[in-house]
């Protein structure tokens, strides 16, 4: 949605100890000269108990699409959120170097469109080997986003593949939505044309390790079902409900957004083909649909508190 920013256990072996006690004789008689030995009692080793594994306290899937710019905000969401992204290659420069480890959250980088220097991206990813996934091509069928025809995206895609080959990252994208690009508003129409163009040029299918999707209305499950034809697991990298038609179903109260969030999170958590998902967003102003997870610095909204504690 947004434009990019600049860029266990172990077992211990216990050896049984044998203790030999020797009785000492007195005077000089030959009878007394004989030594007598007393054998130690048999000792049965007691194994060290195996430590219980650390309890997993939050969903691996759950993330946030937001440009976190301070440690307080990260700390506020970290009890229930595992990852975030900010539509750019690197975390916000205002964050400390240890922000990810301190919050126990992963940052996932994005290549928003084709405006990047391949060698620089490869260098950054190699310098940060903990990065395992790379989000690519944000909403190509929206004219105010990546704005790219299927043919243009097919021509760009080998560059993404080369970065993956050089660094080992998995490619997550394109990130589809219903769009505004003439002839390609339907994400399925755009994807079909993209596959066709790529096959025509490369005699093979493109490398898509995960397909990304954005949704801002009712019926997330049905939308994902339309995309199962491509045989890819999903990252739902933006979602909320912005239904605004005055039809009685508009999202115009916090309670309505909370109900929709619970429903959409449940869809993502219970579907085995959804690998990860990210709520949109941390803060929004104005916020007519009550999306924001954060209020003041480091302070959760009611919606934010509920997002962190959704079942998984």
C-alpha atoms as a PDB file:
ATOM      1  CA  UNK A   1       0.000   0.000   0.000  1.00  0.00           C
ATOM      2  CA  UNK A   2       2.633   2.578   0.969  1.00  0.00           C
ATOM      3  CA  UNK A   3       5.457   3.890  -1.094  1.00  0.00           C
ATOM      4  CA  UNK A   4       8.870   2.541  -0.116  1.00  0.00           C
ATOM      5  CA  UNK A   5      11.242   4.367   2.182  1.00  0.00           C
ATOM      6  CA  UNK A   6      14.833   5.020   1.228  1.00  0.00           C
ATOM      7  CA  UNK A   7      16.530   3.006   1.607  1.00  0.00           C
ATOM      8  CA  UNK A   8      17.046 -28.319  22.904  1.00  0.00           C
ATOM      9  CA  UNK A   9      18.054 -29.899  24.538  1.00  0.00           C
ATOM     10  CA  UNK A  10      20.994 -31.938  25.805  1.00  0.00           C
ATOM     11  CA  UNK A  11      21.445 -35.112  27.876  1.00  0.00           C
ATOM     12  CA  UNK A  12      24.161 -35.456  30.484  1.00  0.00           C
ATOM     13  CA  UNK A  13      25.862 -38.823  30.986  1.00  0.00           C
ATOM     14  CA  UNK A  14      26.570 -39.638  34.609  1.00  0.00           C
ATOM     15  CA  UNK A  15      29.246 -42.227  35.393  1.00  0.00           C
ATOM     16  CA  UNK A  16      28.532 -44.469  38.366  1.00  0.00           C
ATOM     17  CA  UNK A  17      31.187 -44.187  41.011  1.00  0.00           C
ATOM     18  CA  UNK A  18      32.528 -47.339  42.807  1.00  0.00           C
ATOM     19  CA  UNK A  19      33.950 -46.697  46.219  1.00  0.00           C
ATOM     20  CA  UNK A  20      36.282 -49.317  47.686  1.00  0.00           C
ATOM     21  CA  UNK A  21      36.723 -49.212  51.466  1.00  0.00           C
ATOM     22  CA  UNK A  22      39.754 -51.149  52.868  1.00  0.00           C
ATOM     23  CA  UNK A  23      39.861 -52.204  56.564  1.00  0.00           C
ATOM     24  CA  UNK A  24      43.352 -51.899  58.164  1.00  0.00           C
ATOM     25  CA  UNK A  25      44.738 -54.769  60.460  1.00  0.00           C
ATOM     26  CA  UNK A  26      46.419 -54.325  63.938  1.00  0.00           C
ATOM     27  CA  UNK A  27      49.607 -56.039  65.487  1.00  0.00           C
ATOM     28  CA  UNK A  28      51.953 -58.555  63.984  1.00  0.00           C
ATOM     29  CA  UNK A  29      49.990 -61.827  63.976  1.00  0.00           C
ATOM     30  CA  UNK A  30      49.661 -63.693  60.734  1.00  0.00           C
ATOM     31  CA  UNK A  31      45.861 -63.764  61.154  1.00  0.00           C
ATOM     32  CA  UNK A  32      45.783 -60.047  61.545  1.00  0.00           C
ATOM     33  CA  UNK A  33      48.036 -59.673  58.588  1.00  0.00           C
ATOM     34  CA  UNK A  34      45.279 -60.676  56.268  1.00  0.00           C
ATOM     35  CA  UNK A  35      43.458 -57.687  54.875  1.00  0.00           C
ATOM     36  CA  UNK A  36      39.728 -57.653  54.663  1.00  0.00           C
ATOM     37  CA  UNK A  37      37.903 -55.666  52.009  1.00  0.00           C
ATOM     38  CA  UNK A  38      34.446 -54.202  52.198  1.00  0.00           C
ATOM     39  CA  UNK A  39      32.759 -53.594  48.836  1.00  0.00           C
ATOM     40  CA  UNK A  40      30.844 -50.361  48.342  1.00  0.00           C
ATOM     41  CA  UNK A  41      27.117 -50.563  47.833  1.00  0.00           C
ATOM     42  CA  UNK A  42      25.908 -50.428  44.229  1.00  0.00           C
ATOM     43  CA  UNK A  43      25.054 -46.867  43.164  1.00  0.00           C
ATOM     44  CA  UNK A  44      22.316 -46.353  40.566  1.00  0.00           C
ATOM     45  CA  UNK A  45      22.933 -43.184  38.501  1.00  0.00           C
ATOM     46  CA  UNK A  46      20.192 -40.604  38.481  1.00  0.00           C
ATOM     47  CA  UNK A  47      19.802 -38.988  35.040  1.00  0.00           C
ATOM     48  CA  UNK A  48      19.663 -35.227  34.837  1.00  0.00           C
ATOM     49  CA  UNK A  49      16.127 -34.171  33.910  1.00  0.00           C
ATOM     50  CA  UNK A  50      15.709 -32.913  30.349  1.00  0.00           C
ATOM     51  CA  UNK A  51      14.890 -29.202  30.354  1.00  0.00           C
ATOM     52  CA  UNK A  52      11.440 -28.410  29.045  1.00  0.00           C
ATOM     53  CA  UNK A  53      11.500 -26.534  25.735  1.00  0.00           C
ATOM     54  CA  UNK A  54      10.796 -22.834  25.910  1.00  0.00           C
ATOM     55  CA  UNK A  55       7.113 -22.100  25.516  1.00  0.00           C
ATOM     56  CA  UNK A  56       6.173 -20.460  22.228  1.00  0.00           C
ATOM     57  CA  UNK A  57       4.327 -17.323  23.202  1.00  0.00           C
ATOM     58  CA  UNK A  58       3.267 -15.835  19.875  1.00  0.00           C
ATOM     59  CA  UNK A  59       2.288 -16.841  16.378  1.00  0.00           C
ATOM     60  CA  UNK A  60       5.093 -17.264  13.837  1.00  0.00           C
ATOM     61  CA  UNK A  61       2.680 -16.009  11.200  1.00  0.00           C
ATOM     62  CA  UNK A  62       1.631 -12.707  12.762  1.00  0.00           C
ATOM     63  CA  UNK A  63       3.148  -9.456  11.517  1.00  0.00           C
ATOM     64  CA  UNK A  64       2.551  -5.767  10.903  1.00  0.00           C
ATOM     65  CA  UNK A  65       3.016  -3.617   7.845  1.00  0.00           C
ATOM     66  CA  UNK A  66       4.380  -0.409   9.352  1.00  0.00           C
ATOM     67  CA  UNK A  67       7.544   1.679   9.376  1.00  0.00           C
ATOM     68  CA  UNK A  68       8.452   1.344  13.061  1.00  0.00           C
ATOM     69  CA  UNK A  69      10.700   4.254  13.938  1.00  0.00           C
ATOM     70  CA  UNK A  70      11.340   3.763  17.671  1.00  0.00           C
ATOM     71  CA  UNK A  71      11.995   0.920  20.093  1.00  0.00           C
ATOM     72  CA  UNK A  72       8.984   1.779  22.251  1.00  0.00           C
ATOM     73  CA  UNK A  73       6.519   0.994  19.482  1.00  0.00           C
ATOM     74  CA  UNK A  74       8.307  -2.263  18.680  1.00  0.00           C
ATOM     75  CA  UNK A  75       8.300  -3.221  22.362  1.00  0.00           C
ATOM     76  CA  UNK A  76       4.571  -2.535  22.557  1.00  0.00           C
ATOM     77  CA  UNK A  77       3.669  -4.979  19.775  1.00  0.00           C
ATOM     78  CA  UNK A  78       6.442  -7.532  20.334  1.00  0.00           C
ATOM     79  CA  UNK A  79       4.530  -9.726  22.834  1.00  0.00           C
ATOM     80  CA  UNK A  80       2.212 -10.845  20.042  1.00  0.00           C
ATOM     81  CA  UNK A  81       3.950 -10.016  16.761  1.00  0.00           C
ATOM     82  CA  UNK A  82       6.775 -11.951  15.121  1.00  0.00           C
ATOM     83  CA  UNK A  83       7.748  -9.829  12.112  1.00  0.00           C
ATOM     84  CA  UNK A  84       7.278  -6.547  10.313  1.00  0.00           C
ATOM     85  CA  UNK A  85       8.104  -4.797   7.072  1.00  0.00           C
ATOM     86  CA  UNK A  86       8.078  -1.191   5.919  1.00  0.00           C
ATOM     87  CA  UNK A  87       7.927  -1.467   2.097  1.00  0.00           C
ATOM     88  CA  UNK A  88      11.680  -0.812   1.928  1.00  0.00           C
ATOM     89  CA  UNK A  89      14.925  -2.766   1.900  1.00  0.00           C
ATOM     90  CA  UNK A  90      16.068  -1.785   5.399  1.00  0.00           C
ATOM     91  CA  UNK A  91      14.516  -1.017   8.789  1.00  0.00           C
ATOM     92  CA  UNK A  92      13.964   2.614   9.682  1.00  0.00           C
ATOM     93  CA  UNK A  93      17.315   4.269  10.312  1.00  0.00           C
ATOM     94  CA  UNK A  94      16.053   5.630  13.637  1.00  0.00           C
ATOM     95  CA  UNK A  95      15.935   2.165  15.144  1.00  0.00           C
ATOM     96  CA  UNK A  96      18.941   0.879  17.108  1.00  0.00           C
ATOM     97  CA  UNK A  97      21.048  -1.861  15.559  1.00  0.00           C
ATOM     98  CA  UNK A  98      19.704  -4.439  18.032  1.00  0.00           C
ATOM     99  CA  UNK A  99      16.041  -3.577  17.452  1.00  0.00           C
ATOM    100  CA  UNK A 100      15.131  -6.974  16.008  1.00  0.00           C
ATOM    101  CA  UNK A 101      16.766  -9.052  18.732  1.00  0.00           C
ATOM    102  CA  UNK A 102      15.470  -6.793  21.505  1.00  0.00           C
ATOM    103  CA  UNK A 103      11.900  -7.137  20.276  1.00  0.00           C
ATOM    104  CA  UNK A 104      12.237 -10.782  19.151  1.00  0.00           C
ATOM    105  CA  UNK A 105      10.836  -9.693  15.799  1.00  0.00           C
ATOM    106  CA  UNK A 106      12.158 -10.200  12.280  1.00  0.00           C
ATOM    107  CA  UNK A 107      12.356  -7.449   9.708  1.00  0.00           C
ATOM    108  CA  UNK A 108      11.518  -8.611   6.184  1.00  0.00           C
ATOM    109  CA  UNK A 109      12.860  -6.415   3.365  1.00  0.00           C
ATOM    110  CA  UNK A 110      11.028  -5.473   0.185  1.00  0.00           C
ATOM    111  CA  UNK A 111      11.976  -4.534  -3.349  1.00  0.00           C
ATOM    112  CA  UNK A 112       8.941  -2.388  -4.124  1.00  0.00           C
ATOM    113  CA  UNK A 113       9.389  -2.236  -7.890  1.00  0.00           C
ATOM    114  CA  UNK A 114      12.352  -2.346 -10.264  1.00  0.00           C
ATOM    115  CA  UNK A 115      14.181   0.711  -8.938  1.00  0.00           C
ATOM    116  CA  UNK A 116      17.086  -0.922  -7.112  1.00  0.00           C
ATOM    117  CA  UNK A 117      20.762  -1.616  -7.628  1.00  0.00           C
ATOM    118  CA  UNK A 118      21.128  -5.376  -7.818  1.00  0.00           C
ATOM    119  CA  UNK A 119      24.678  -5.528  -6.445  1.00  0.00           C
ATOM    120  CA  UNK A 120      23.734  -3.343  -3.469  1.00  0.00           C
ATOM    121  CA  UNK A 121      20.776  -5.561  -2.617  1.00  0.00           C
ATOM    122  CA  UNK A 122      22.906  -8.699  -2.845  1.00  0.00           C
ATOM    123  CA  UNK A 123      25.584  -7.127  -0.675  1.00  0.00           C
ATOM    124  CA  UNK A 124      23.027  -6.121   1.974  1.00  0.00           C
ATOM    125  CA  UNK A 125      21.406  -9.554   2.076  1.00  0.00           C
ATOM    126  CA  UNK A 126      24.769 -11.335   2.298  1.00  0.00           C
ATOM    127  CA  UNK A 127      25.744  -9.063   5.175  1.00  0.00           C
ATOM    128  CA  UNK A 128      22.492 -10.015   6.944  1.00  0.00           C
ATOM    129  CA  UNK A 129      22.245 -13.798   6.505  1.00  0.00           C
ATOM    130  CA  UNK A 130      19.384 -14.061   9.017  1.00  0.00           C
ATOM    131  CA  UNK A 131      17.132 -12.616   6.305  1.00  0.00           C
ATOM    132  CA  UNK A 132      15.378 -15.572   4.677  1.00  0.00           C
ATOM    133  CA  UNK A 133      12.599 -13.875   2.698  1.00  0.00           C
ATOM    134  CA  UNK A 134      12.381 -10.995   0.246  1.00  0.00           C
ATOM    135  CA  UNK A 135       9.082  -9.288  -0.544  1.00  0.00           C
ATOM    136  CA  UNK A 136       8.904  -8.118  -4.159  1.00  0.00           C
ATOM    137  CA  UNK A 137       6.726  -6.004  -6.479  1.00  0.00           C
ATOM    138  CA  UNK A 138       4.070  -4.181  -4.495  1.00  0.00           C
ATOM    139  CA  UNK A 139       0.631  -4.014  -6.144  1.00  0.00           C
ATOM    140  CA  UNK A 140       1.750  -3.912  -9.777  1.00  0.00           C
ATOM    141  CA  UNK A 141      -1.837  -3.539 -11.007  1.00  0.00           C
ATOM    142  CA  UNK A 142      -2.391  -0.251  -9.153  1.00  0.00           C
ATOM    143  CA  UNK A 143      -1.333   2.847 -11.039  1.00  0.00           C
ATOM    144  CA  UNK A 144      -0.299   4.641  -7.824  1.00  0.00           C
ATOM    145  CA  UNK A 145       1.781   1.676  -6.631  1.00  0.00           C
ATOM    146  CA  UNK A 146       4.291  -0.413  -8.613  1.00  0.00           C
ATOM    147  CA  UNK A 147       2.181   0.235 -11.743  1.00  0.00           C
ATOM    148  CA  UNK A 148       3.576  -2.459 -14.016  1.00  0.00           C
ATOM    149  CA  UNK A 149       2.044  -4.414 -16.853  1.00  0.00           C
ATOM    150  CA  UNK A 150       2.394  -8.193 -16.771  1.00  0.00           C
ATOM    151  CA  UNK A 151       4.907  -8.031 -19.640  1.00  0.00           C
ATOM    152  CA  UNK A 152       7.031  -5.445 -17.863  1.00  0.00           C
ATOM    153  CA  UNK A 153       6.950  -7.483 -14.649  1.00  0.00           C
ATOM    154  CA  UNK A 154       7.949 -10.616 -16.578  1.00  0.00           C
ATOM    155  CA  UNK A 155      10.967  -8.748 -17.937  1.00  0.00           C
ATOM    156  CA  UNK A 156      11.912  -7.581 -14.437  1.00  0.00           C
ATOM    157  CA  UNK A 157      11.440 -10.924 -12.684  1.00  0.00           C
ATOM    158  CA  UNK A 158      14.799 -12.563 -13.629  1.00  0.00           C
ATOM    159  CA  UNK A 159      16.529  -9.844 -11.627  1.00  0.00           C
ATOM    160  CA  UNK A 160      14.632 -10.932  -8.520  1.00  0.00           C
ATOM    161  CA  UNK A 161      15.531 -14.549  -9.301  1.00  0.00           C
ATOM    162  CA  UNK A 162      19.217 -13.675  -9.627  1.00  0.00           C
ATOM    163  CA  UNK A 163      19.175 -12.021  -6.207  1.00  0.00           C
ATOM    164  CA  UNK A 164      17.555 -15.131  -4.755  1.00  0.00           C
ATOM    165  CA  UNK A 165      20.159 -17.363  -6.402  1.00  0.00           C
ATOM    166  CA  UNK A 166      23.005 -15.213  -5.077  1.00  0.00           C
ATOM    167  CA  UNK A 167      21.729 -14.990  -1.485  1.00  0.00           C
ATOM    168  CA  UNK A 168      19.357 -17.896  -0.854  1.00  0.00           C
ATOM    169  CA  UNK A 169      16.375 -15.722   0.064  1.00  0.00           C
ATOM    170  CA  UNK A 170      12.885 -16.898  -0.844  1.00  0.00           C
ATOM    171  CA  UNK A 171      10.858 -14.639  -3.125  1.00  0.00           C
ATOM    172  CA  UNK A 172       7.506 -13.450  -1.771  1.00  0.00           C
ATOM    173  CA  UNK A 173       5.425 -11.783  -4.437  1.00  0.00           C
ATOM    174  CA  UNK A 174       4.124 -10.203  -6.465  1.00  0.00           C
ATOM    175  CA  UNK A 175       1.847  -8.607  -3.847  1.00  0.00           C
ATOM    176  CA  UNK A 176      -1.521  -8.543  -5.574  1.00  0.00           C
ATOM    177  CA  UNK A 177      -4.668  -6.561  -4.885  1.00  0.00           C
ATOM    178  CA  UNK A 178      -7.690  -5.544  -6.895  1.00  0.00           C
ATOM    179  CA  UNK A 179      -6.308  -2.637  -8.846  1.00  0.00           C
ATOM    180  CA  UNK A 180      -6.680   0.329 -11.139  1.00  0.00           C
ATOM    181  CA  UNK A 181      -4.430  -0.633 -14.081  1.00  0.00           C
ATOM    182  CA  UNK A 182      -6.539  -0.655 -17.213  1.00  0.00           C
ATOM    183  CA  UNK A 183      -7.479  -4.198 -18.209  1.00  0.00           C
ATOM    184  CA  UNK A 184      -5.860  -5.706 -15.144  1.00  0.00           C
ATOM    185  CA  UNK A 185      -7.953  -4.693 -12.150  1.00  0.00           C
ATOM    186  CA  UNK A 186      -8.567  -8.387 -11.355  1.00  0.00           C
ATOM    187  CA  UNK A 187      -5.414  -9.891  -9.783  1.00  0.00           C
ATOM    188  CA  UNK A 188      -6.111 -13.228 -11.496  1.00  0.00           C
ATOM    189  CA  UNK A 189      -6.202 -11.579 -14.915  1.00  0.00           C
ATOM    190  CA  UNK A 190      -2.893  -9.816 -14.189  1.00  0.00           C
ATOM    191  CA  UNK A 191      -1.247 -13.002 -12.872  1.00  0.00           C
ATOM    192  CA  UNK A 192      -2.411 -15.118 -15.795  1.00  0.00           C
ATOM    193  CA  UNK A 193      -0.937 -12.614 -18.223  1.00  0.00           C
ATOM    194  CA  UNK A 194       2.270 -12.382 -16.177  1.00  0.00           C
ATOM    195  CA  UNK A 195       2.764 -16.159 -16.233  1.00  0.00           C
ATOM    196  CA  UNK A 196       2.077 -16.251 -19.968  1.00  0.00           C
ATOM    197  CA  UNK A 197       4.559 -13.464 -20.716  1.00  0.00           C
ATOM    198  CA  UNK A 198       7.266 -15.030 -18.540  1.00  0.00           C
ATOM    199  CA  UNK A 199       6.807 -18.465 -20.102  1.00  0.00           C
ATOM    200  CA  UNK A 200       6.981 -17.007 -23.565  1.00  0.00           C
ATOM    201  CA  UNK A 201      10.322 -15.356 -22.824  1.00  0.00           C
ATOM    202  CA  UNK A 202      11.931 -18.006 -20.615  1.00  0.00           C
ATOM    203  CA  UNK A 203      10.302 -21.353 -21.501  1.00  0.00           C
ATOM    204  CA  UNK A 204       9.601 -21.979 -17.823  1.00  0.00           C
ATOM    205  CA  UNK A 205       7.558 -20.703 -14.931  1.00  0.00           C
ATOM    206  CA  UNK A 206       8.841 -17.795 -12.821  1.00  0.00           C
ATOM    207  CA  UNK A 207      10.304 -18.466  -9.382  1.00  0.00           C
ATOM    208  CA  UNK A 208       7.549 -17.521  -6.961  1.00  0.00           C
ATOM    209  CA  UNK A 209       8.165 -19.125  -3.577  1.00  0.00           C
ATOM    210  CA  UNK A 210       5.160 -17.429  -1.985  1.00  0.00           C
ATOM    211  CA  UNK A 211       2.390 -15.353  -3.482  1.00  0.00           C
ATOM    212  CA  UNK A 212       1.457 -12.167  -1.598  1.00  0.00           C
ATOM    213  CA  UNK A 213      -2.019 -10.688  -1.388  1.00  0.00           C
ATOM    214  CA  UNK A 214      -3.706  -7.589   0.057  1.00  0.00           C
ATOM    215  CA  UNK A 215      -7.369  -7.319   1.049  1.00  0.00           C
ATOM    216  CA  UNK A 216      -9.526  -4.570   2.578  1.00  0.00           C
ATOM    217  CA  UNK A 217     -13.065  -5.924   2.597  1.00  0.00           C
ATOM    218  CA  UNK A 218     -15.170  -8.912   3.568  1.00  0.00           C
ATOM    219  CA  UNK A 219     -14.457 -12.366   2.128  1.00  0.00           C
ATOM    220  CA  UNK A 220     -10.695 -12.847   2.522  1.00  0.00           C
ATOM    221  CA  UNK A 221     -11.030 -16.630   2.338  1.00  0.00           C
ATOM    222  CA  UNK A 222     -12.873 -16.448  -0.980  1.00  0.00           C
ATOM    223  CA  UNK A 223     -10.208 -14.169  -2.428  1.00  0.00           C
ATOM    224  CA  UNK A 224      -7.439 -16.561  -1.415  1.00  0.00           C
ATOM    225  CA  UNK A 225      -9.404 -19.462  -2.859  1.00  0.00           C
ATOM    226  CA  UNK A 226      -9.342 -17.752  -6.264  1.00  0.00           C
ATOM    227  CA  UNK A 227      -5.557 -17.706  -6.107  1.00  0.00           C
ATOM    228  CA  UNK A 228      -4.998 -21.352  -5.157  1.00  0.00           C
ATOM    229  CA  UNK A 229      -4.861 -22.176  -8.891  1.00  0.00           C
ATOM    230  CA  UNK A 230      -1.225 -20.988  -8.873  1.00  0.00           C
ATOM    231  CA  UNK A 231      -0.219 -23.626  -6.309  1.00  0.00           C
ATOM    232  CA  UNK A 232       1.671 -21.227  -4.053  1.00  0.00           C
ATOM    233  CA  UNK A 233       1.473 -20.655  -0.287  1.00  0.00           C
ATOM    234  CA  UNK A 234       0.411 -17.161   0.688  1.00  0.00           C
ATOM    235  CA  UNK A 235       1.664 -14.186   2.624  1.00  0.00           C
ATOM    236  CA  UNK A 236      -1.257 -11.829   3.295  1.00  0.00           C
ATOM    237  CA  UNK A 237       0.945  -8.768   3.615  1.00  0.00           C
ATOM    238  CA  UNK A 238      -1.781  -6.133   4.023  1.00  0.00           C
ATOM    239  CA  UNK A 239      -5.246  -6.615   5.437  1.00  0.00           C
ATOM    240  CA  UNK A 240      -7.978  -4.794   7.311  1.00  0.00           C
ATOM    241  CA  UNK A 241     -11.591  -4.083   6.447  1.00  0.00           C
ATOM    242  CA  UNK A 242     -12.250  -0.719   4.828  1.00  0.00           C
ATOM    243  CA  UNK A 243     -15.757  -1.477   3.571  1.00  0.00           C
ATOM    244  CA  UNK A 244     -17.222   2.002   3.209  1.00  0.00           C
ATOM    245  CA  UNK A 245     -20.380   1.586   1.137  1.00  0.00           C
ATOM    246  CA  UNK A 246     -23.432   2.837   3.022  1.00  0.00           C
ATOM    247  CA  UNK A 247     -25.105  -0.555   2.862  1.00  0.00           C
ATOM    248  CA  UNK A 248     -25.261  -1.321   6.561  1.00  0.00           C
ATOM    249  CA  UNK A 249     -22.006  -3.315   6.428  1.00  0.00           C
ATOM    250  CA  UNK A 250     -19.653  -0.332   6.462  1.00  0.00           C
ATOM    251  CA  UNK A 251     -16.805  -0.409   8.974  1.00  0.00           C
ATOM    252  CA  UNK A 252     -17.462   2.741  10.933  1.00  0.00           C
ATOM    253  CA  UNK A 253     -16.946   1.688  14.550  1.00  0.00           C
ATOM    254  CA  UNK A 254     -14.102   0.131  16.511  1.00  0.00           C
ATOM    255  CA  UNK A 255     -16.311  -2.831  17.423  1.00  0.00           C
ATOM    256  CA  UNK A 256     -16.924  -3.625  13.760  1.00  0.00           C
ATOM    257  CA  UNK A 257     -13.212  -3.488  12.919  1.00  0.00           C
ATOM    258  CA  UNK A 258     -12.390  -5.660  15.920  1.00  0.00           C
ATOM    259  CA  UNK A 259     -14.876  -8.276  14.752  1.00  0.00           C
ATOM    260  CA  UNK A 260     -13.463  -8.199  11.235  1.00  0.00           C
ATOM    261  CA  UNK A 261      -9.895  -8.393  12.481  1.00  0.00           C
ATOM    262  CA  UNK A 262     -10.742 -11.477  14.555  1.00  0.00           C
ATOM    263  CA  UNK A 263     -12.381 -13.115  11.542  1.00  0.00           C
ATOM    264  CA  UNK A 264      -9.526 -12.322   9.172  1.00  0.00           C
ATOM    265  CA  UNK A 265      -6.829 -13.392  11.643  1.00  0.00           C
ATOM    266  CA  UNK A 266      -8.699 -16.647  12.163  1.00  0.00           C
ATOM    267  CA  UNK A 267      -8.720 -17.224   8.407  1.00  0.00           C
ATOM    268  CA  UNK A 268      -4.976 -16.670   8.211  1.00  0.00           C
ATOM    269  CA  UNK A 269      -4.154 -18.737  11.279  1.00  0.00           C
ATOM    270  CA  UNK A 270      -6.300 -21.739  10.369  1.00  0.00           C
ATOM    271  CA  UNK A 271      -5.418 -21.975   6.685  1.00  0.00           C
ATOM    272  CA  UNK A 272      -2.380 -24.168   6.123  1.00  0.00           C
ATOM    273  CA  UNK A 273      -1.652 -22.349   2.857  1.00  0.00           C
ATOM    274  CA  UNK A 274      -1.153 -19.006   4.643  1.00  0.00           C
ATOM    275  CA  UNK A 275       2.468 -18.838   5.747  1.00  0.00           C
ATOM    276  CA  UNK A 276       2.461 -15.329   7.202  1.00  0.00           C
ATOM    277  CA  UNK A 277       0.238 -12.266   7.436  1.00  0.00           C
ATOM    278  CA  UNK A 278       0.569  -8.597   8.373  1.00  0.00           C
ATOM    279  CA  UNK A 279      -2.080  -6.184   9.628  1.00  0.00           C
ATOM    280  CA  UNK A 280      -2.241  -2.737   8.065  1.00  0.00           C
ATOM    281  CA  UNK A 281      -1.168  -0.775  10.029  1.00  0.00           C
ATOM    282  CA  UNK A 282       0.597   0.624  13.096  1.00  0.00           C
ATOM    283  CA  UNK A 283      -0.791   4.162  12.878  1.00  0.00           C
ATOM    284  CA  UNK A 284      -3.067   5.875  10.423  1.00  0.00           C
ATOM    285  CA  UNK A 285      -4.297   9.467  10.493  1.00  0.00           C
ATOM    286  CA  UNK A 286      -7.056  10.052   9.767  1.00  0.00           C
ATOM    287  CA  UNK A 287      -8.229   6.579  10.706  1.00  0.00           C
ATOM    288  CA  UNK A 288     -11.900   6.355   9.680  1.00  0.00           C
ATOM    289  CA  UNK A 289     -11.974   2.544   9.870  1.00  0.00           C
ATOM    290  CA  UNK A 290     -10.153   2.207  13.232  1.00  0.00           C
ATOM    291  CA  UNK A 291      -7.126   0.339  11.829  1.00  0.00           C
ATOM    292  CA  UNK A 292      -4.389   1.678  14.087  1.00  0.00           C
ATOM    293  CA  UNK A 293      -2.625  -0.711  16.467  1.00  0.00           C
ATOM    294  CA  UNK A 294      -0.762   2.109  18.214  1.00  0.00           C
ATOM    295  CA  UNK A 295      -1.875   5.319  19.905  1.00  0.00           C
ATOM    296  CA  UNK A 296       0.863   7.319  21.613  1.00  0.00           C
ATOM    297  CA  UNK A 297       4.497   6.258  21.502  1.00  0.00           C
ATOM    298  CA  UNK A 298       4.721   2.711  22.819  1.00  0.00           C
ATOM    299  CA  UNK A 299       0.997   2.618  23.646  1.00  0.00           C
ATOM    300  CA  UNK A 300      -1.390   0.096  22.106  1.00  0.00           C
ATOM    301  CA  UNK A 301      -4.907   0.983  21.027  1.00  0.00           C
ATOM    302  CA  UNK A 302      -7.750  -1.337  22.025  1.00  0.00           C
ATOM    303  CA  UNK A 303      -7.482  -2.877  18.563  1.00  0.00           C
ATOM    304  CA  UNK A 304      -3.743  -3.326  19.039  1.00  0.00           C
ATOM    305  CA  UNK A 305      -4.231  -5.180  22.305  1.00  0.00           C
ATOM    306  CA  UNK A 306      -6.764  -7.465  20.662  1.00  0.00           C
ATOM    307  CA  UNK A 307      -4.487  -8.141  17.665  1.00  0.00           C
ATOM    308  CA  UNK A 308      -1.675  -9.303  19.928  1.00  0.00           C
ATOM    309  CA  UNK A 309      -3.949 -11.709  21.803  1.00  0.00           C
ATOM    310  CA  UNK A 310      -5.872 -13.292  18.924  1.00  0.00           C
ATOM    311  CA  UNK A 311      -5.875 -17.115  19.117  1.00  0.00           C
ATOM    312  CA  UNK A 312      -3.384 -19.030  17.004  1.00  0.00           C
END
